[in-house]
Amino acid sequence: MTLRTLLSGIAVLGFVACAGAQTEQPAPVAYTMADVDAAPEAWRAVDPENMVIMETSKGQIVIELLPVVAPVHVDQFKAYVRAGLYSQTEFHRVIKGFMAQGGDVAAAYGADKMLGQMEAEFVFRRDPAITPMDTIGPADSADGGFHLGFPMATQPGFLAEMSKDGLVESWIPHCPGILSTARTDDVNSADAQFFLISDEGQHLDYKYTAKGRALKGLDVIQSIKLGPTPEGFPIANPDVVMSVKMAADMPEAERPKAFVQRTDSEAWQTILANADGRRVALCDIPPVPAVVE
């Protein structure tokens, strides 16, 4: 199985099995810099070193990476970005209601440009004190919530006291807008290719390495040209990744600024308490708002 046929087993079958569980979401509130300026304590500035500006033939996608969950995968993604190797690559596999896959560096620039396969980072060992979460329900028993605005699934906090290292397993679930890493059937085969979840992808949790989320451009992800078959390929005249840059590498005057709403506010604590009471799934909570300007 080649990298271009990734997900053809687990992902497609998993999507068919859970497609009926999708929940229609209300339109998100549109925040602006005026909201940030009016209540700066309610927002977190995004580190330019972890902000990716992806220009596509369908529009701009701005992604924040989260190194703590998958440090090797994040570093390698940044290396491909900084080498310019994602520019002019195609979204060669796109499945309706699921994901858009791109970043085939080998097809665009040759196999000699590949940086090499990585060991899976499907989960990470989290110290609740160092990497805290705003949880759905009590922290000691919750299995999900948010960290820095990222959706985060986790083992309950009480297990930290029972583990040898005092840590718990946590991971970014494949909610809408999540950036994850393509691979073959070999769990340690991930390299350059990536995919962006358009709608539903939690059947990939614990099987693929998620490493970031779209702060801006979920609508762009959902508009990327679909493949003609349930497998999502081949695509005639596919949409293209025109360029990808790290915000930190851009001149400061041209660099976008991004802010993410904090989830430790009273308003968000109410949202999380209501989600707990109604047993709302983590990915069914609308994404944490961000402002990019």
Protein backbone atom coordinates (compact mmCIF):
# COMPACT_ATOMS: atom_id res chain seq x y z
CA MET A 1 0.00 0.00 0.00
CA THR A 2 1.41 3.39 -0.95
CA LEU A 3 1.02 6.66 0.92
CA ARG A 4 -1.45 7.80 -1.75
CA THR A 5 -3.79 5.01 -0.72
CA LEU A 6 -3.62 5.74 2.98
CA LEU A 7 -6.86 5.51 4.95
CA SER A 8 -8.40 3.26 2.31
CA GLY A 9 -9.12 0.58 4.91
CA ILE A 10 -9.49 1.92 8.43
CA ALA A 11 -10.63 5.41 7.55
CA VAL A 12 -13.25 4.73 4.91
CA LEU A 13 -14.78 1.83 6.77
CA GLY A 14 -14.70 3.79 10.01
CA PHE A 15 -16.38 6.77 8.39
CA VAL A 16 -19.19 4.70 6.96
CA ALA A 17 -19.78 3.20 10.39
CA CYS A 18 -20.07 6.53 12.20
CA ALA A 19 -21.37 8.90 9.51
CA GLY A 20 -24.88 8.77 10.92
CA ALA A 21 -23.63 10.16 14.24
CA GLN A 22 -22.83 13.59 12.81
CA THR A 23 -24.62 16.47 14.49
CA GLU A 24 -25.59 19.65 12.68
CA GLN A 25 -23.91 22.60 14.33
CA PRO A 26 -25.22 26.14 14.78
CA ALA A 27 -23.42 28.88 12.89
CA PRO A 28 -20.41 30.04 14.94
CA VAL A 29 -20.27 33.54 16.38
CA ALA A 30 -18.02 35.78 14.29
CA TYR A 31 -15.55 37.54 16.58
CA THR A 32 -13.23 40.36 15.52
CA MET A 33 -10.20 42.19 16.88
CA ALA A 34 -12.63 44.62 18.48
CA ASP A 35 -13.75 41.76 20.74
CA VAL A 36 -10.14 40.93 21.58
CA ASP A 37 -9.32 44.56 22.33
CA ALA A 38 -12.44 44.93 24.47
CA ALA A 39 -11.60 41.92 26.68
CA PRO A 40 -7.93 40.95 26.23
CA GLU A 41 -8.02 38.79 29.36
CA ALA A 42 -10.48 36.48 27.58
CA TRP A 43 -8.09 35.71 24.71
CA ARG A 44 -4.71 33.99 24.24
CA ALA A 45 -2.20 35.18 21.65
CA VAL A 46 -0.98 32.45 19.29
CA ASP A 47 2.78 31.92 19.12
CA PRO A 48 3.94 32.73 15.52
CA GLU A 49 6.37 29.81 15.77
CA ASN A 50 3.38 27.45 15.88
CA MET A 51 1.16 29.27 13.37
CA VAL A 52 0.96 28.03 9.78
CA ILE A 53 -0.42 30.13 6.93
CA MET A 54 -1.66 27.85 4.15
CA GLU A 55 -2.85 29.45 0.92
CA THR A 56 -4.95 27.12 -1.21
CA SER A 57 -6.84 27.42 -4.47
CA LYS A 58 -10.01 27.62 -2.35
CA GLY A 59 -8.78 30.19 0.15
CA GLN A 60 -6.64 30.63 3.24
CA ILE A 61 -6.34 28.14 6.11
CA VAL A 62 -4.55 29.25 9.29
CA ILE A 63 -3.41 26.40 11.51
CA GLU A 64 -2.01 26.33 15.04
CA LEU A 65 0.33 23.45 15.85
CA LEU A 66 0.55 21.95 19.34
CA PRO A 67 4.06 20.54 19.87
CA VAL A 68 3.34 19.01 23.29
CA VAL A 69 1.06 16.34 21.78
CA ALA A 70 3.37 15.21 18.96
CA PRO A 71 6.76 16.96 19.06
CA VAL A 72 8.46 14.91 16.33
CA HIS A 73 5.53 15.21 13.92
CA VAL A 74 5.23 18.95 14.53
CA ASP A 75 8.96 19.50 13.96
CA GLN A 76 8.91 17.53 10.71
CA PHE A 77 5.81 19.36 9.46
CA LYS A 78 7.57 22.67 10.14
CA ALA A 79 10.65 21.43 8.30
CA TYR A 80 8.61 20.63 5.18
CA VAL A 81 6.91 24.03 5.41
CA ARG A 82 10.23 25.87 5.74
CA ALA A 83 11.72 23.94 2.84
CA GLY A 84 8.83 25.09 0.63
CA LEU A 85 7.97 21.49 -0.20
CA TYR A 86 4.23 21.78 0.38
CA SER A 87 3.88 24.56 -2.18
CA GLN A 88 2.06 23.42 -5.33
CA THR A 89 1.14 20.04 -3.88
CA GLU A 90 -2.39 18.76 -4.46
CA PHE A 91 -5.33 17.75 -2.32
CA HIS A 92 -5.24 14.41 -4.05
CA ARG A 93 -7.76 12.57 -1.88
CA VAL A 94 -10.90 14.20 -0.51
CA ILE A 95 -13.85 12.34 1.01
CA LYS A 96 -17.19 14.04 1.58
CA GLY A 97 -18.03 14.56 5.24
CA PHE A 98 -14.64 13.27 6.32
CA MET A 99 -11.31 14.80 5.27
CA ALA A 100 -9.04 16.40 2.65
CA GLN A 101 -5.62 14.80 2.19
CA GLY A 102 -2.60 16.52 0.66
CA GLY A 103 1.12 17.10 1.01
CA ASP A 104 2.43 14.42 -1.34
CA VAL A 105 5.96 15.82 -1.46
CA ALA A 106 7.35 12.73 -3.20
CA ALA A 107 4.92 13.11 -6.11
CA ALA A 108 5.61 16.83 -6.47
CA TYR A 109 9.36 17.01 -5.86
CA GLY A 110 10.74 13.48 -5.79
CA ALA A 111 11.32 10.80 -3.16
CA ASP A 112 14.79 12.19 -2.42
CA LYS A 113 13.17 15.20 -0.75
CA MET A 114 11.45 13.08 1.88
CA LEU A 115 12.66 13.52 5.46
CA GLY A 116 11.87 10.01 6.64
CA GLN A 117 9.24 8.03 8.48
CA MET A 118 8.39 8.75 12.11
CA GLU A 119 7.31 6.63 15.02
CA ALA A 120 3.65 7.08 15.88
CA GLU A 121 2.66 9.75 18.38
CA PHE A 122 -1.01 8.82 18.62
CA VAL A 123 -1.14 9.74 22.33
CA PHE A 124 1.13 11.54 24.77
CA ARG A 125 1.72 11.26 28.49
CA ARG A 126 0.19 14.36 30.06
CA ASP A 127 0.98 15.93 33.41
CA PRO A 128 -2.32 17.53 34.50
CA ALA A 129 -0.40 20.20 36.40
CA ILE A 130 1.81 21.22 33.46
CA THR A 131 -0.70 20.68 30.65
CA PRO A 132 -4.00 21.55 32.32
CA MET A 133 -7.43 21.12 30.78
CA ASP A 134 -10.78 22.81 31.13
CA THR A 135 -12.81 19.64 31.33
CA ILE A 136 -16.32 18.48 30.58
CA GLY A 137 -17.26 17.51 34.13
CA PRO A 138 -14.98 17.13 37.18
CA ALA A 139 -11.30 17.04 36.28
CA ASP A 140 -10.64 13.81 38.18
CA SER A 141 -13.22 11.85 36.20
CA ALA A 142 -13.52 13.73 32.88
CA ASP A 143 -12.46 12.10 29.63
CA GLY A 144 -12.38 15.27 27.55
CA GLY A 145 -12.19 19.04 27.44
CA PHE A 146 -9.92 21.75 26.06
CA HIS A 147 -6.27 22.73 26.38
CA LEU A 148 -5.32 26.13 24.91
CA GLY A 149 -8.47 25.91 22.82
CA PHE A 150 -7.58 22.51 21.36
CA PRO A 151 -10.10 19.72 21.93
CA MET A 152 -8.39 17.14 24.12
CA ALA A 153 -9.44 13.62 24.98
CA THR A 154 -7.84 12.05 28.00
CA GLN A 155 -7.75 9.36 30.58
CA PRO A 156 -9.45 10.57 33.78
CA GLY A 157 -7.19 12.60 36.04
CA PHE A 158 -7.48 10.21 38.98
CA LEU A 159 -5.42 7.68 37.03
CA ALA A 160 -2.38 9.95 37.37
CA GLU A 161 -2.18 9.02 41.03
CA MET A 162 -2.20 5.34 40.09
CA SER A 163 0.36 5.46 37.27
CA LYS A 164 4.10 4.98 37.80
CA ASP A 165 5.01 8.28 36.17
CA GLY A 166 2.12 10.31 37.57
CA LEU A 167 0.82 11.02 34.08
CA VAL A 168 -2.23 10.15 31.97
CA GLU A 169 -2.65 9.40 28.28
CA SER A 170 -4.18 12.24 26.26
CA TRP A 171 -4.64 13.05 22.59
CA ILE A 172 -6.27 15.48 20.16
CA PRO A 173 -9.46 13.87 18.83
CA HIS A 174 -10.15 14.15 15.10
CA CYS A 175 -12.82 16.85 15.34
CA PRO A 176 -13.65 19.24 12.47
CA GLY A 177 -10.66 21.38 11.53
CA ILE A 178 -8.02 19.08 13.02
CA LEU A 179 -4.70 18.61 11.20
CA SER A 180 -3.47 15.02 11.29
CA THR A 181 -0.81 12.88 9.64
CA ALA A 182 -1.22 10.38 6.83
CA ARG A 183 0.36 6.94 6.92
CA THR A 184 0.18 3.49 5.37
CA ASP A 185 -0.84 0.31 7.19
CA ASP A 186 2.48 0.57 9.08
CA VAL A 187 1.73 2.67 12.17
CA ASN A 188 5.26 4.11 12.04
CA SER A 189 5.18 5.17 8.38
CA ALA A 190 3.98 8.80 8.67
CA ASP A 191 6.11 11.33 6.82
CA ALA A 192 5.04 14.37 4.74
CA GLN A 193 1.41 13.80 3.86
CA PHE A 194 -1.28 15.35 6.01
CA PHE A 195 -5.05 15.56 6.12
CA LEU A 196 -7.54 18.06 7.47
CA ILE A 197 -10.80 16.86 9.00
CA SER A 198 -13.78 18.51 7.34
CA ASP A 199 -16.58 16.99 9.43
CA GLU A 200 -16.23 13.65 11.23
CA GLY A 201 -13.07 11.71 11.98
CA GLN A 202 -13.04 10.40 15.54
CA HIS A 203 -12.77 6.82 14.33
CA LEU A 204 -9.13 7.76 13.58
CA ASP A 205 -8.32 8.54 17.22
CA TYR A 206 -5.54 6.34 18.60
CA LYS A 207 -4.67 5.38 15.00
CA TYR A 208 -3.28 8.59 13.45
CA THR A 209 -1.17 11.43 14.83
CA ALA A 210 -3.11 14.67 15.19
CA LYS A 211 -0.92 17.75 15.68
CA GLY A 212 -2.87 20.97 15.08
CA ARG A 213 -6.17 22.65 14.34
CA ALA A 214 -7.49 25.22 11.89
CA LEU A 215 -8.03 28.59 13.56
CA LYS A 216 -9.41 29.95 10.30
CA GLY A 217 -10.63 28.22 7.15
CA LEU A 218 -12.85 25.31 8.21
CA ASP A 219 -15.19 26.53 5.47
CA VAL A 220 -12.28 26.34 3.04
CA ILE A 221 -11.51 22.77 4.11
CA GLN A 222 -15.14 21.83 3.58
CA SER A 223 -15.13 23.37 0.09
CA ILE A 224 -12.09 21.49 -1.27
CA LYS A 225 -12.96 19.54 -4.42
CA LEU A 226 -14.22 16.07 -3.61
CA GLY A 227 -13.08 12.82 -5.10
CA PRO A 228 -15.56 11.08 -7.42
CA THR A 229 -15.71 7.83 -5.44
CA PRO A 230 -16.22 6.88 -1.77
CA GLU A 231 -12.44 6.37 -1.59
CA GLY A 232 -11.91 10.04 -2.52
CA PHE A 233 -9.67 9.66 -5.59
CA PRO A 234 -8.58 10.08 -8.35
CA ILE A 235 -9.49 13.77 -8.67
CA ALA A 236 -9.35 15.54 -12.02
CA ASN A 237 -7.97 19.08 -11.62
CA PRO A 238 -7.72 18.86 -7.82
CA ASP A 239 -7.45 21.85 -5.55
CA VAL A 240 -3.91 22.90 -4.78
CA VAL A 241 -1.84 24.01 -1.80
CA MET A 242 -0.37 27.12 -3.36
CA SER A 243 2.01 28.05 -0.54
CA VAL A 244 2.61 27.33 3.14
CA LYS A 245 4.56 29.54 5.54
CA MET A 246 5.34 29.66 9.21
CA ALA A 247 4.08 32.97 10.59
CA ALA A 248 7.35 33.38 12.49
CA ASP A 249 9.25 33.46 9.19
CA MET A 250 7.19 36.28 7.72
CA PRO A 251 8.15 39.95 8.09
CA GLU A 252 6.46 41.26 11.22
CA ALA A 253 4.52 43.85 9.25
CA GLU A 254 3.03 41.10 7.05
CA ARG A 255 2.56 38.50 9.75
CA PRO A 256 -1.04 37.68 10.70
CA LYS A 257 -1.91 37.91 14.36
CA ALA A 258 -4.14 35.29 15.93
CA PHE A 259 -5.96 35.03 19.23
CA VAL A 260 -7.85 32.08 20.71
CA GLN A 261 -10.67 32.43 23.20
CA ARG A 262 -9.77 31.14 26.65
CA THR A 263 -11.91 28.31 27.97
CA ASP A 264 -11.35 29.02 31.67
CA SER A 265 -13.89 31.85 31.58
CA GLU A 266 -17.24 31.74 33.37
CA ALA A 267 -19.03 31.54 30.01
CA TRP A 268 -17.01 28.53 28.91
CA GLN A 269 -17.36 26.84 32.28
CA THR A 270 -21.12 27.09 31.74
CA ILE A 271 -20.77 25.58 28.25
CA LEU A 272 -18.72 22.69 29.62
CA ALA A 273 -21.07 22.10 32.55
CA ASN A 274 -24.04 22.01 30.18
CA ALA A 275 -22.19 19.60 27.87
CA ASP A 276 -21.53 17.34 30.86
CA GLY A 277 -25.15 17.44 31.97
CA ARG A 278 -26.46 16.71 28.48
CA ARG A 279 -23.70 14.17 27.70
CA VAL A 280 -22.62 16.14 24.64
CA ALA A 281 -19.65 14.58 22.82
CA LEU A 282 -16.47 16.67 22.73
CA CYS A 283 -16.48 17.06 18.95
CA ASP A 284 -20.11 18.18 19.03
CA ILE A 285 -19.15 21.28 21.00
CA PRO A 286 -18.50 24.08 18.47
CA PRO A 287 -14.76 24.80 18.02
CA VAL A 288 -13.23 27.33 20.38
CA PRO A 289 -13.39 30.70 18.59
CA ALA A 290 -10.28 32.32 17.16
CA VAL A 291 -9.61 35.70 15.58
CA VAL A 292 -7.03 35.97 12.80
CA GLU A 293 -6.13 39.34 11.37
